[in-house]
Amino acid sequence: MGELIRGLFFIVFGLYALLAERMGWGKLSLPQELIYALGGILCAYGLYRVYRGIKQLFF
């Protein structure tokens, strides 16, 4: 269960990095390319954690 929760946190943080400036939630003081890379990596790692959590629970 912990894998799923951690994976969801990583996905949420990745989406925040990708969407914060567009939605008016705040501005990150990093270059835009680095923000996109960081957001993509966080989302991908979150999906991996969710996959591992589902695999451990059900298979």
C-alpha atoms as a PDB file:
ATOM      1  CA  MET A   1       0.000   0.000   0.000  1.00  0.00           C
ATOM      2  CA  GLY A   2       2.915   2.334   0.700  1.00  0.00           C
ATOM      3  CA  GLU A   3       4.150   2.000  -2.869  1.00  0.00           C
ATOM      4  CA  LEU A   4       0.807   3.215  -4.189  1.00  0.00           C
ATOM      5  CA  ILE A   5       0.692   6.224  -1.898  1.00  0.00           C
ATOM      6  CA  ARG A   6       4.284   7.231  -2.642  1.00  0.00           C
ATOM      7  CA  GLY A   7       3.643   6.789  -6.342  1.00  0.00           C
ATOM      8  CA  LEU A   8       0.607   9.054  -6.169  1.00  0.00           C
ATOM      9  CA  PHE A   9       2.638  11.705  -4.318  1.00  0.00           C
ATOM     10  CA  PHE A  10       5.312  11.633  -7.023  1.00  0.00           C
ATOM     11  CA  ILE A  11       2.660  11.953  -9.736  1.00  0.00           C
ATOM     12  CA  VAL A  12       1.025  14.898  -7.940  1.00  0.00           C
ATOM     13  CA  PHE A  13       4.364  16.687  -7.492  1.00  0.00           C
ATOM     14  CA  GLY A  14       5.237  16.066 -11.140  1.00  0.00           C
ATOM     15  CA  LEU A  15       1.910  17.451 -12.303  1.00  0.00           C
ATOM     16  CA  TYR A  16       2.372  20.461 -10.034  1.00  0.00           C
ATOM     17  CA  ALA A  17       5.781  21.135 -11.602  1.00  0.00           C
ATOM     18  CA  LEU A  18       4.280  20.878 -15.078  1.00  0.00           C
ATOM     19  CA  LEU A  19       1.085  22.861 -14.475  1.00  0.00           C
ATOM     20  CA  ALA A  20       1.850  25.365 -11.675  1.00  0.00           C
ATOM     21  CA  GLU A  21       2.713  28.321 -13.876  1.00  0.00           C
ATOM     22  CA  ARG A  22      -0.096  27.730 -16.376  1.00  0.00           C
ATOM     23  CA  MET A  23      -2.754  27.419 -13.670  1.00  0.00           C
ATOM     24  CA  GLY A  24      -1.506  30.419 -11.701  1.00  0.00           C
ATOM     25  CA  TRP A  25      -0.535  28.408  -8.618  1.00  0.00           C
ATOM     26  CA  GLY A  26       2.961  29.857  -8.453  1.00  0.00           C
ATOM     27  CA  LYS A  27       6.181  30.302 -10.361  1.00  0.00           C
ATOM     28  CA  LEU A  28       9.152  28.005  -9.965  1.00  0.00           C
ATOM     29  CA  SER A  29      12.490  29.767 -10.233  1.00  0.00           C
ATOM     30  CA  LEU A  30      14.043  27.271 -12.643  1.00  0.00           C
ATOM     31  CA  PRO A  31      14.442  27.305 -16.423  1.00  0.00           C
ATOM     32  CA  GLN A  32      11.319  26.053 -18.195  1.00  0.00           C
ATOM     33  CA  GLU A  33      13.163  23.141 -19.835  1.00  0.00           C
ATOM     34  CA  LEU A  34      14.368  21.908 -16.445  1.00  0.00           C
ATOM     35  CA  ILE A  35      10.856  22.182 -15.013  1.00  0.00           C
ATOM     36  CA  TYR A  36       9.457  20.070 -17.864  1.00  0.00           C
ATOM     37  CA  ALA A  37      12.218  17.480 -17.437  1.00  0.00           C
ATOM     38  CA  LEU A  38      11.729  17.339 -13.673  1.00  0.00           C
ATOM     39  CA  GLY A  39       7.945  17.068 -13.988  1.00  0.00           C
ATOM     40  CA  GLY A  40       8.244  14.300 -16.566  1.00  0.00           C
ATOM     41  CA  ILE A  41      10.726  12.336 -14.483  1.00  0.00           C
ATOM     42  CA  LEU A  42       8.592  12.674 -11.346  1.00  0.00           C
ATOM     43  CA  CYS A  43       5.455  11.524 -13.179  1.00  0.00           C
ATOM     44  CA  ALA A  44       7.261   8.585 -14.785  1.00  0.00           C
ATOM     45  CA  TYR A  45       8.750   7.495 -11.459  1.00  0.00           C
ATOM     46  CA  GLY A  46       5.350   7.834  -9.810  1.00  0.00           C
ATOM     47  CA  LEU A  47       3.776   5.606 -12.443  1.00  0.00           C
ATOM     48  CA  TYR A  48       6.543   3.054 -11.873  1.00  0.00           C
ATOM     49  CA  ARG A  49       5.872   3.084  -8.107  1.00  0.00           C
ATOM     50  CA  VAL A  50       2.139   2.648  -8.669  1.00  0.00           C
ATOM     51  CA  TYR A  51       2.838  -0.260 -11.036  1.00  0.00           C
ATOM     52  CA  ARG A  52       5.080  -1.931  -8.437  1.00  0.00           C
ATOM     53  CA  GLY A  53       2.462  -1.405  -5.738  1.00  0.00           C
ATOM     54  CA  ILE A  54      -0.288  -2.953  -7.824  1.00  0.00           C
ATOM     55  CA  LYS A  55       1.992  -5.825  -8.762  1.00  0.00           C
ATOM     56  CA  GLN A  56       2.815  -6.525  -5.095  1.00  0.00           C
ATOM     57  CA  LEU A  57      -0.828  -6.354  -3.981  1.00  0.00           C
ATOM     58  CA  PHE A  58      -2.475  -8.421  -6.676  1.00  0.00           C
ATOM     59  CA  PHE A  59       0.107 -10.691  -8.296  1.00  0.00           C
END
